[in-house]
Amino acid sequence: PEELHAFVRETLGDLAADDEPELVD
């Protein structure tokens, strides 16, 4: 699962985070 997490973080960057409503939007 960590490999999938890393792929998401590398691909989406800041958009991977769920803590900011603007980024989620």
mmCIF file of all heavy atoms, coordinates in Angstrom:
data_MODEL
# 
_entry.id   MODEL 
# 
loop_
_atom_site.group_PDB 
_atom_site.id 
_atom_site.type_symbol 
_atom_site.label_atom_id 
_atom_site.label_alt_id 
_atom_site.label_comp_id 
_atom_site.label_asym_id 
_atom_site.label_entity_id 
_atom_site.label_seq_id 
_atom_site.pdbx_PDB_ins_code 
_atom_site.Cartn_x 
_atom_site.Cartn_y 
_atom_site.Cartn_z 
_atom_site.occupancy 
_atom_site.B_iso_or_equiv 
_atom_site.pdbx_formal_charge 
_atom_site.auth_seq_id 
_atom_site.auth_comp_id 
_atom_site.auth_asym_id 
_atom_site.auth_atom_id 
_atom_site.pdbx_PDB_model_num 
ATOM 1   N N   . PRO A 1 1  ? 0.815   -1.220 0.000   1.00 0.00 ? 1  PRO A N   1 
ATOM 2   C CA  . PRO A 1 1  ? 0.000   0.000  0.000   1.00 0.00 ? 1  PRO A CA  1 
ATOM 3   C C   . PRO A 1 1  ? 0.848   1.270  0.000   1.00 0.00 ? 1  PRO A C   1 
ATOM 4   O O   . PRO A 1 1  ? 0.440   2.288  -0.549  1.00 0.00 ? 1  PRO A O   1 
ATOM 5   C CB  . PRO A 1 1  ? -0.827  -0.096 1.274   1.00 0.00 ? 1  PRO A CB  1 
ATOM 6   C CG  . PRO A 1 1  ? -0.713  -1.489 1.748   1.00 0.00 ? 1  PRO A CG  1 
ATOM 7   C CD  . PRO A 1 1  ? 0.522   -2.081 1.138   1.00 0.00 ? 1  PRO A CD  1 
ATOM 8   N N   . GLU A 1 2  ? 2.023   1.210  0.607   1.00 0.00 ? 2  GLU A N   1 
ATOM 9   C CA  . GLU A 1 2  ? 2.877   2.397  0.640   1.00 0.00 ? 2  GLU A CA  1 
ATOM 10  C C   . GLU A 1 2  ? 3.327   2.786  -0.764  1.00 0.00 ? 2  GLU A C   1 
ATOM 11  O O   . GLU A 1 2  ? 3.504   3.967  -1.064  1.00 0.00 ? 2  GLU A O   1 
ATOM 12  C CB  . GLU A 1 2  ? 4.086   2.169  1.556   1.00 0.00 ? 2  GLU A CB  1 
ATOM 13  C CG  . GLU A 1 2  ? 4.897   3.415  1.798   1.00 0.00 ? 2  GLU A CG  1 
ATOM 14  C CD  . GLU A 1 2  ? 4.065   4.630  2.238   1.00 0.00 ? 2  GLU A CD  1 
ATOM 15  O OE1 . GLU A 1 2  ? 3.162   4.480  3.069   1.00 0.00 ? 2  GLU A OE1 1 
ATOM 16  O OE2 . GLU A 1 2  ? 4.332   5.744  1.732   1.00 0.00 ? 2  GLU A OE2 1 
ATOM 17  N N   . GLU A 1 3  ? 3.494   1.807  -1.634  1.00 0.00 ? 3  GLU A N   1 
ATOM 18  C CA  . GLU A 1 3  ? 3.853   2.096  -3.034  1.00 0.00 ? 3  GLU A CA  1 
ATOM 19  C C   . GLU A 1 3  ? 2.721   2.862  -3.722  1.00 0.00 ? 3  GLU A C   1 
ATOM 20  O O   . GLU A 1 3  ? 2.959   3.805  -4.480  1.00 0.00 ? 3  GLU A O   1 
ATOM 21  C CB  . GLU A 1 3  ? 4.150   0.802  -3.788  1.00 0.00 ? 3  GLU A CB  1 
ATOM 22  C CG  . GLU A 1 3  ? 4.718   1.010  -5.164  1.00 0.00 ? 3  GLU A CG  1 
ATOM 23  C CD  . GLU A 1 3  ? 6.080   1.690  -5.136  1.00 0.00 ? 3  GLU A CD  1 
ATOM 24  O OE1 . GLU A 1 3  ? 6.892   1.401  -4.244  1.00 0.00 ? 3  GLU A OE1 1 
ATOM 25  O OE2 . GLU A 1 3  ? 6.319   2.536  -6.038  1.00 0.00 ? 3  GLU A OE2 1 
ATOM 26  N N   . LEU A 1 4  ? 1.480   2.481  -3.433  1.00 0.00 ? 4  LEU A N   1 
ATOM 27  C CA  . LEU A 1 4  ? 0.329   3.196  -3.986  1.00 0.00 ? 4  LEU A CA  1 
ATOM 28  C C   . LEU A 1 4  ? 0.259   4.614  -3.419  1.00 0.00 ? 4  LEU A C   1 
ATOM 29  O O   . LEU A 1 4  ? 0.002   5.566  -4.159  1.00 0.00 ? 4  LEU A O   1 
ATOM 30  C CB  . LEU A 1 4  ? -0.967  2.438  -3.702  1.00 0.00 ? 4  LEU A CB  1 
ATOM 31  C CG  . LEU A 1 4  ? -1.145  1.125  -4.449  1.00 0.00 ? 4  LEU A CG  1 
ATOM 32  C CD1 . LEU A 1 4  ? -2.380  0.389  -3.952  1.00 0.00 ? 4  LEU A CD1 1 
ATOM 33  C CD2 . LEU A 1 4  ? -1.230  1.356  -5.948  1.00 0.00 ? 4  LEU A CD2 1 
ATOM 34  N N   . HIS A 1 5  ? 0.493   4.750  -2.117  1.00 0.00 ? 5  HIS A N   1 
ATOM 35  C CA  . HIS A 1 5  ? 0.508   6.084  -1.496  1.00 0.00 ? 5  HIS A CA  1 
ATOM 36  C C   . HIS A 1 5  ? 1.575   6.966  -2.148  1.00 0.00 ? 5  HIS A C   1 
ATOM 37  O O   . HIS A 1 5  ? 1.323   8.139  -2.434  1.00 0.00 ? 5  HIS A O   1 
ATOM 38  C CB  . HIS A 1 5  ? 0.785   5.988  0.004   1.00 0.00 ? 5  HIS A CB  1 
ATOM 39  C CG  . HIS A 1 5  ? -0.365  5.484  0.805   1.00 0.00 ? 5  HIS A CG  1 
ATOM 40  N ND1 . HIS A 1 5  ? -1.553  6.161  0.934   1.00 0.00 ? 5  HIS A ND1 1 
ATOM 41  C CD2 . HIS A 1 5  ? -0.506  4.348  1.534   1.00 0.00 ? 5  HIS A CD2 1 
ATOM 42  C CE1 . HIS A 1 5  ? -2.375  5.479  1.696   1.00 0.00 ? 5  HIS A CE1 1 
ATOM 43  N NE2 . HIS A 1 5  ? -1.770  4.371  2.069   1.00 0.00 ? 5  HIS A NE2 1 
ATOM 44  N N   . ALA A 1 6  ? 2.747   6.398  -2.367  1.00 0.00 ? 6  ALA A N   1 
ATOM 45  C CA  . ALA A 1 6  ? 3.841   7.161  -2.968  1.00 0.00 ? 6  ALA A CA  1 
ATOM 46  C C   . ALA A 1 6  ? 3.472   7.600  -4.382  1.00 0.00 ? 6  ALA A C   1 
ATOM 47  O O   . ALA A 1 6  ? 3.733   8.739  -4.783  1.00 0.00 ? 6  ALA A O   1 
ATOM 48  C CB  . ALA A 1 6  ? 5.123   6.331  -2.982  1.00 0.00 ? 6  ALA A CB  1 
ATOM 49  N N   . PHE A 1 7  ? 2.847   6.704  -5.145  1.00 0.00 ? 7  PHE A N   1 
ATOM 50  C CA  . PHE A 1 7  ? 2.422   7.042  -6.509  1.00 0.00 ? 7  PHE A CA  1 
ATOM 51  C C   . PHE A 1 7  ? 1.432   8.202  -6.486  1.00 0.00 ? 7  PHE A C   1 
ATOM 52  O O   . PHE A 1 7  ? 1.548   9.146  -7.266  1.00 0.00 ? 7  PHE A O   1 
ATOM 53  C CB  . PHE A 1 7  ? 1.813   5.815  -7.200  1.00 0.00 ? 7  PHE A CB  1 
ATOM 54  C CG  . PHE A 1 7  ? 1.238   6.115  -8.549  1.00 0.00 ? 7  PHE A CG  1 
ATOM 55  C CD1 . PHE A 1 7  ? 2.066   6.320  -9.644  1.00 0.00 ? 7  PHE A CD1 1 
ATOM 56  C CD2 . PHE A 1 7  ? -0.131  6.213  -8.726  1.00 0.00 ? 7  PHE A CD2 1 
ATOM 57  C CE1 . PHE A 1 7  ? 1.542   6.612  -10.894 1.00 0.00 ? 7  PHE A CE1 1 
ATOM 58  C CE2 . PHE A 1 7  ? -0.668  6.507  -9.964  1.00 0.00 ? 7  PHE A CE2 1 
ATOM 59  C CZ  . PHE A 1 7  ? 0.172   6.705  -11.048 1.00 0.00 ? 7  PHE A CZ  1 
ATOM 60  N N   . VAL A 1 8  ? 0.482   8.150  -5.584  1.00 0.00 ? 8  VAL A N   1 
ATOM 61  C CA  . VAL A 1 8  ? -0.521  9.220  -5.475  1.00 0.00 ? 8  VAL A CA  1 
ATOM 62  C C   . VAL A 1 8  ? 0.150   10.539 -5.108  1.00 0.00 ? 8  VAL A C   1 
ATOM 63  O O   . VAL A 1 8  ? -0.112  11.574 -5.729  1.00 0.00 ? 8  VAL A O   1 
ATOM 64  C CB  . VAL A 1 8  ? -1.617  8.850  -4.446  1.00 0.00 ? 8  VAL A CB  1 
ATOM 65  C CG1 . VAL A 1 8  ? -2.497  10.052 -4.130  1.00 0.00 ? 8  VAL A CG1 1 
ATOM 66  C CG2 . VAL A 1 8  ? -2.459  7.699  -4.970  1.00 0.00 ? 8  VAL A CG2 1 
ATOM 67  N N   . ARG A 1 9  ? 1.030   10.510 -4.124  1.00 0.00 ? 9  ARG A N   1 
ATOM 68  C CA  . ARG A 1 9  ? 1.713   11.741 -3.697  1.00 0.00 ? 9  ARG A CA  1 
ATOM 69  C C   . ARG A 1 9  ? 2.575   12.316 -4.821  1.00 0.00 ? 9  ARG A C   1 
ATOM 70  O O   . ARG A 1 9  ? 2.578   13.524 -5.052  1.00 0.00 ? 9  ARG A O   1 
ATOM 71  C CB  . ARG A 1 9  ? 2.580   11.476 -2.465  1.00 0.00 ? 9  ARG A CB  1 
ATOM 72  C CG  . ARG A 1 9  ? 1.797   11.351 -1.174  1.00 0.00 ? 9  ARG A CG  1 
ATOM 73  C CD  . ARG A 1 9  ? 2.708   11.321 0.044   1.00 0.00 ? 9  ARG A CD  1 
ATOM 74  N NE  . ARG A 1 9  ? 3.737   10.301 -0.024  1.00 0.00 ? 9  ARG A NE  1 
ATOM 75  C CZ  . ARG A 1 9  ? 3.607   9.043  0.421   1.00 0.00 ? 9  ARG A CZ  1 
ATOM 76  N NH1 . ARG A 1 9  ? 2.476   8.672  0.973   1.00 0.00 ? 9  ARG A NH1 1 
ATOM 77  N NH2 . ARG A 1 9  ? 4.603   8.188  0.330   1.00 0.00 ? 9  ARG A NH2 1 
ATOM 78  N N   . GLU A 1 10 ? 3.302   11.446 -5.516  1.00 0.00 ? 10 GLU A N   1 
ATOM 79  C CA  . GLU A 1 10 ? 4.172   11.915 -6.604  1.00 0.00 ? 10 GLU A CA  1 
ATOM 80  C C   . GLU A 1 10 ? 3.359   12.464 -7.771  1.00 0.00 ? 10 GLU A C   1 
ATOM 81  O O   . GLU A 1 10 ? 3.764   13.427 -8.418  1.00 0.00 ? 10 GLU A O   1 
ATOM 82  C CB  . GLU A 1 10 ? 5.056   10.766 -7.105  1.00 0.00 ? 10 GLU A CB  1 
ATOM 83  C CG  . GLU A 1 10 ? 6.112   10.343 -6.117  1.00 0.00 ? 10 GLU A CG  1 
ATOM 84  C CD  . GLU A 1 10 ? 6.731   9.004  -6.468  1.00 0.00 ? 10 GLU A CD  1 
ATOM 85  O OE1 . GLU A 1 10 ? 6.465   8.473  -7.577  1.00 0.00 ? 10 GLU A OE1 1 
ATOM 86  O OE2 . GLU A 1 10 ? 7.472   8.466  -5.621  1.00 0.00 ? 10 GLU A OE2 1 
ATOM 87  N N   . THR A 1 11 ? 2.233   11.859 -8.046  1.00 0.00 ? 11 THR A N   1 
ATOM 88  C CA  . THR A 1 11 ? 1.425   12.247 -9.204  1.00 0.00 ? 11 THR A CA  1 
ATOM 89  C C   . THR A 1 11 ? 0.569   13.468 -8.921  1.00 0.00 ? 11 THR A C   1 
ATOM 90  O O   . THR A 1 11 ? 0.512   14.397 -9.722  1.00 0.00 ? 11 THR A O   1 
ATOM 91  C CB  . THR A 1 11 ? 0.536   11.072 -9.651  1.00 0.00 ? 11 THR A CB  1 
ATOM 92  O OG1 . THR A 1 11 ? 1.367   9.932  -9.902  1.00 0.00 ? 11 THR A OG1 1 
ATOM 93  C CG2 . THR A 1 11 ? -0.225  11.417 -10.920 1.00 0.00 ? 11 THR A CG2 1 
ATOM 94  N N   . LEU A 1 12 ? -0.101  13.479 -7.776  1.00 0.00 ? 12 LEU A N   1 
ATOM 95  C CA  . LEU A 1 12 ? -1.044  14.557 -7.463  1.00 0.00 ? 12 LEU A CA  1 
ATOM 96  C C   . LEU A 1 12 ? -0.430  15.679 -6.630  1.00 0.00 ? 12 LEU A C   1 
ATOM 97  O O   . LEU A 1 12 ? -1.015  16.761 -6.553  1.00 0.00 ? 12 LEU A O   1 
ATOM 98  C CB  . LEU A 1 12 ? -2.265  14.003 -6.722  1.00 0.00 ? 12 LEU A CB  1 
ATOM 99  C CG  . LEU A 1 12 ? -3.171  13.075 -7.519  1.00 0.00 ? 12 LEU A CG  1 
ATOM 100 C CD1 . LEU A 1 12 ? -4.289  12.543 -6.642  1.00 0.00 ? 12 LEU A CD1 1 
ATOM 101 C CD2 . LEU A 1 12 ? -3.726  13.767 -8.747  1.00 0.00 ? 12 LEU A CD2 1 
ATOM 102 N N   . GLY A 1 13 ? 0.692   15.441 -6.017  1.00 0.00 ? 13 GLY A N   1 
ATOM 103 C CA  . GLY A 1 13 ? 1.318   16.476 -5.197  1.00 0.00 ? 13 GLY A CA  1 
ATOM 104 C C   . GLY A 1 13 ? 0.375   16.954 -4.108  1.00 0.00 ? 13 GLY A C   1 
ATOM 105 O O   . GLY A 1 13 ? -0.212  16.152 -3.388  1.00 0.00 ? 13 GLY A O   1 
ATOM 106 N N   . ASP A 1 14 ? 0.208   18.264 -4.003  1.00 0.00 ? 14 ASP A N   1 
ATOM 107 C CA  . ASP A 1 14 ? -0.647  18.846 -2.960  1.00 0.00 ? 14 ASP A CA  1 
ATOM 108 C C   . ASP A 1 14 ? -2.102  18.389 -3.077  1.00 0.00 ? 14 ASP A C   1 
ATOM 109 O O   . ASP A 1 14 ? -2.822  18.375 -2.078  1.00 0.00 ? 14 ASP A O   1 
ATOM 110 C CB  . ASP A 1 14 ? -0.603  20.375 -3.021  1.00 0.00 ? 14 ASP A CB  1 
ATOM 111 C CG  . ASP A 1 14 ? 0.743   20.928 -2.577  1.00 0.00 ? 14 ASP A CG  1 
ATOM 112 O OD1 . ASP A 1 14 ? 1.490   20.210 -1.887  1.00 0.00 ? 14 ASP A OD1 1 
ATOM 113 O OD2 . ASP A 1 14 ? 1.047   22.080 -2.931  1.00 0.00 ? 14 ASP A OD2 1 
ATOM 114 N N   . LEU A 1 15 ? -2.543  18.024 -4.260  1.00 0.00 ? 15 LEU A N   1 
ATOM 115 C CA  . LEU A 1 15 ? -3.941  17.605 -4.436  1.00 0.00 ? 15 LEU A CA  1 
ATOM 116 C C   . LEU A 1 15 ? -4.247  16.281 -3.741  1.00 0.00 ? 15 LEU A C   1 
ATOM 117 O O   . LEU A 1 15 ? -5.410  15.928 -3.580  1.00 0.00 ? 15 LEU A O   1 
ATOM 118 C CB  . LEU A 1 15 ? -4.287  17.467 -5.923  1.00 0.00 ? 15 LEU A CB  1 
ATOM 119 C CG  . LEU A 1 15 ? -4.409  18.744 -6.725  1.00 0.00 ? 15 LEU A CG  1 
ATOM 120 C CD1 . LEU A 1 15 ? -4.831  18.423 -8.154  1.00 0.00 ? 15 LEU A CD1 1 
ATOM 121 C CD2 . LEU A 1 15 ? -5.383  19.705 -6.099  1.00 0.00 ? 15 LEU A CD2 1 
ATOM 122 N N   . ALA A 1 16 ? -3.220  15.561 -3.322  1.00 0.00 ? 16 ALA A N   1 
ATOM 123 C CA  . ALA A 1 16 ? -3.436  14.282 -2.648  1.00 0.00 ? 16 ALA A CA  1 
ATOM 124 C C   . ALA A 1 16 ? -3.955  14.477 -1.229  1.00 0.00 ? 16 ALA A C   1 
ATOM 125 O O   . ALA A 1 16 ? -4.540  13.567 -0.653  1.00 0.00 ? 16 ALA A O   1 
ATOM 126 C CB  . ALA A 1 16 ? -2.140  13.471 -2.632  1.00 0.00 ? 16 ALA A CB  1 
ATOM 127 N N   . ALA A 1 17 ? -3.759  15.663 -0.672  1.00 0.00 ? 17 ALA A N   1 
ATOM 128 C CA  . ALA A 1 17 ? -4.158  15.927 0.713   1.00 0.00 ? 17 ALA A CA  1 
ATOM 129 C C   . ALA A 1 17 ? -5.659  16.178 0.817   1.00 0.00 ? 17 ALA A C   1 
ATOM 130 O O   . ALA A 1 17 ? -6.268  16.750 -0.075  1.00 0.00 ? 17 ALA A O   1 
ATOM 131 C CB  . ALA A 1 17 ? -3.392  17.134 1.244   1.00 0.00 ? 17 ALA A CB  1 
ATOM 132 N N   . ASP A 1 18 ? -6.223  15.743 1.928   1.00 0.00 ? 18 ASP A N   1 
ATOM 133 C CA  . ASP A 1 18 ? -7.655  15.955 2.182   1.00 0.00 ? 18 ASP A CA  1 
ATOM 134 C C   . ASP A 1 18 ? -7.911  17.031 3.219   1.00 0.00 ? 18 ASP A C   1 
ATOM 135 O O   . ASP A 1 18 ? -9.038  17.250 3.627   1.00 0.00 ? 18 ASP A O   1 
ATOM 136 C CB  . ASP A 1 18 ? -8.301  14.658 2.671   1.00 0.00 ? 18 ASP A CB  1 
ATOM 137 C CG  . ASP A 1 18 ? -8.605  13.707 1.531   1.00 0.00 ? 18 ASP A CG  1 
ATOM 138 O OD1 . ASP A 1 18 ? -8.757  14.166 0.387   1.00 0.00 ? 18 ASP A OD1 1 
ATOM 139 O OD2 . ASP A 1 18 ? -8.698  12.499 1.795   1.00 0.00 ? 18 ASP A OD2 1 
ATOM 140 N N   . ASP A 1 19 ? -6.861  17.724 3.655   1.00 0.00 ? 19 ASP A N   1 
ATOM 141 C CA  . ASP A 1 19 ? -7.029  18.651 4.761   1.00 0.00 ? 19 ASP A CA  1 
ATOM 142 C C   . ASP A 1 19 ? -7.415  20.064 4.337   1.00 0.00 ? 19 ASP A C   1 
ATOM 143 O O   . ASP A 1 19 ? -7.819  20.853 5.173   1.00 0.00 ? 19 ASP A O   1 
ATOM 144 C CB  . ASP A 1 19 ? -5.775  18.681 5.626   1.00 0.00 ? 19 ASP A CB  1 
ATOM 145 C CG  . ASP A 1 19 ? -4.518  18.963 4.823   1.00 0.00 ? 19 ASP A CG  1 
ATOM 146 O OD1 . ASP A 1 19 ? -4.579  18.963 3.589   1.00 0.00 ? 19 ASP A OD1 1 
ATOM 147 O OD2 . ASP A 1 19 ? -3.463  19.169 5.452   1.00 0.00 ? 19 ASP A OD2 1 
ATOM 148 N N   . GLU A 1 20 ? -7.324  20.393 3.072   1.00 0.00 ? 20 GLU A N   1 
ATOM 149 C CA  . GLU A 1 20 ? -7.700  21.735 2.612   1.00 0.00 ? 20 GLU A CA  1 
ATOM 150 C C   . GLU A 1 20 ? -8.877  21.641 1.638   1.00 0.00 ? 20 GLU A C   1 
ATOM 151 O O   . GLU A 1 20 ? -8.763  21.019 0.587   1.00 0.00 ? 20 GLU A O   1 
ATOM 152 C CB  . GLU A 1 20 ? -6.524  22.416 1.915   1.00 0.00 ? 20 GLU A CB  1 
ATOM 153 C CG  . GLU A 1 20 ? -5.446  22.886 2.863   1.00 0.00 ? 20 GLU A CG  1 
ATOM 154 C CD  . GLU A 1 20 ? -4.418  23.737 2.147   1.00 0.00 ? 20 GLU A CD  1 
ATOM 155 O OE1 . GLU A 1 20 ? -4.824  24.683 1.421   1.00 0.00 ? 20 GLU A OE1 1 
ATOM 156 O OE2 . GLU A 1 20 ? -3.235  23.435 2.307   1.00 0.00 ? 20 GLU A OE2 1 
ATOM 157 N N   . PRO A 1 21 ? -9.989  22.272 1.969   1.00 0.00 ? 21 PRO A N   1 
ATOM 158 C CA  . PRO A 1 21 ? -11.165 22.206 1.099   1.00 0.00 ? 21 PRO A CA  1 
ATOM 159 C C   . PRO A 1 21 ? -10.893 22.671 -0.338  1.00 0.00 ? 21 PRO A C   1 
ATOM 160 O O   . PRO A 1 21 ? -11.441 22.112 -1.287  1.00 0.00 ? 21 PRO A O   1 
ATOM 161 C CB  . PRO A 1 21 ? -12.179 23.113 1.791   1.00 0.00 ? 21 PRO A CB  1 
ATOM 162 C CG  . PRO A 1 21 ? -11.756 23.126 3.211   1.00 0.00 ? 21 PRO A CG  1 
ATOM 163 C CD  . PRO A 1 21 ? -10.258 22.998 3.201   1.00 0.00 ? 21 PRO A CD  1 
ATOM 164 N N   . GLU A 1 22 ? -10.050 23.691 -0.494  1.00 0.00 ? 22 GLU A N   1 
ATOM 165 C CA  . GLU A 1 22 ? -9.756  24.186 -1.842  1.00 0.00 ? 22 GLU A CA  1 
ATOM 166 C C   . GLU A 1 22 ? -9.073  23.110 -2.683  1.00 0.00 ? 22 GLU A C   1 
ATOM 167 O O   . GLU A 1 22 ? -9.389  22.939 -3.863  1.00 0.00 ? 22 GLU A O   1 
ATOM 168 C CB  . GLU A 1 22 ? -8.867  25.431 -1.781  1.00 0.00 ? 22 GLU A CB  1 
ATOM 169 C CG  . GLU A 1 22 ? -8.531  25.949 -3.173  1.00 0.00 ? 22 GLU A CG  1 
ATOM 170 C CD  . GLU A 1 22 ? -7.518  27.078 -3.152  1.00 0.00 ? 22 GLU A CD  1 
ATOM 171 O OE1 . GLU A 1 22 ? -7.044  27.473 -2.077  1.00 0.00 ? 22 GLU A OE1 1 
ATOM 172 O OE2 . GLU A 1 22 ? -7.212  27.573 -4.252  1.00 0.00 ? 22 GLU A OE2 1 
ATOM 173 N N   . LEU A 1 23 ? -8.154  22.356 -2.083  1.00 0.00 ? 23 LEU A N   1 
ATOM 174 C CA  . LEU A 1 23 ? -7.455  21.297 -2.812  1.00 0.00 ? 23 LEU A CA  1 
ATOM 175 C C   . LEU A 1 23 ? -8.392  20.136 -3.141  1.00 0.00 ? 23 LEU A C   1 
ATOM 176 O O   . LEU A 1 23 ? -8.324  19.557 -4.227  1.00 0.00 ? 23 LEU A O   1 
ATOM 177 C CB  . LEU A 1 23 ? -6.244  20.806 -2.019  1.00 0.00 ? 23 LEU A CB  1 
ATOM 178 C CG  . LEU A 1 23 ? -5.144  21.842 -1.794  1.00 0.00 ? 23 LEU A CG  1 
ATOM 179 C CD1 . LEU A 1 23 ? -4.044  21.274 -0.925  1.00 0.00 ? 23 LEU A CD1 1 
ATOM 180 C CD2 . LEU A 1 23 ? -4.593  22.348 -3.119  1.00 0.00 ? 23 LEU A CD2 1 
ATOM 181 N N   . VAL A 1 24 ? -9.272  19.816 -2.204  1.00 0.00 ? 24 VAL A N   1 
ATOM 182 C CA  . VAL A 1 24 ? -10.263 18.767 -2.454  1.00 0.00 ? 24 VAL A CA  1 
ATOM 183 C C   . VAL A 1 24 ? -11.169 19.183 -3.609  1.00 0.00 ? 24 VAL A C   1 
ATOM 184 O O   . VAL A 1 24 ? -11.488 18.383 -4.493  1.00 0.00 ? 24 VAL A O   1 
ATOM 185 C CB  . VAL A 1 24 ? -11.075 18.465 -1.177  1.00 0.00 ? 24 VAL A CB  1 
ATOM 186 C CG1 . VAL A 1 24 ? -12.229 17.517 -1.473  1.00 0.00 ? 24 VAL A CG1 1 
ATOM 187 C CG2 . VAL A 1 24 ? -10.169 17.888 -0.095  1.00 0.00 ? 24 VAL A CG2 1 
ATOM 188 N N   . ASP A 1 25 ? -11.556 20.448 -3.631  1.00 0.00 ? 25 ASP A N   1 
ATOM 189 C CA  . ASP A 1 25 ? -12.404 20.985 -4.693  1.00 0.00 ? 25 ASP A CA  1 
ATOM 190 C C   . ASP A 1 25 ? -11.675 20.965 -6.047  1.00 0.00 ? 25 ASP A C   1 
ATOM 191 O O   . ASP A 1 25 ? -12.257 20.602 -7.067  1.00 0.00 ? 25 ASP A O   1 
ATOM 192 C CB  . ASP A 1 25 ? -12.846 22.395 -4.324  1.00 0.00 ? 25 ASP A CB  1 
ATOM 193 C CG  . ASP A 1 25 ? -14.027 22.861 -5.135  1.00 0.00 ? 25 ASP A CG  1 
ATOM 194 O OD1 . ASP A 1 25 ? -14.906 22.043 -5.458  1.00 0.00 ? 25 ASP A OD1 1 
ATOM 195 O OD2 . ASP A 1 25 ? -14.070 24.065 -5.459  1.00 0.00 ? 25 ASP A OD2 1 
# 
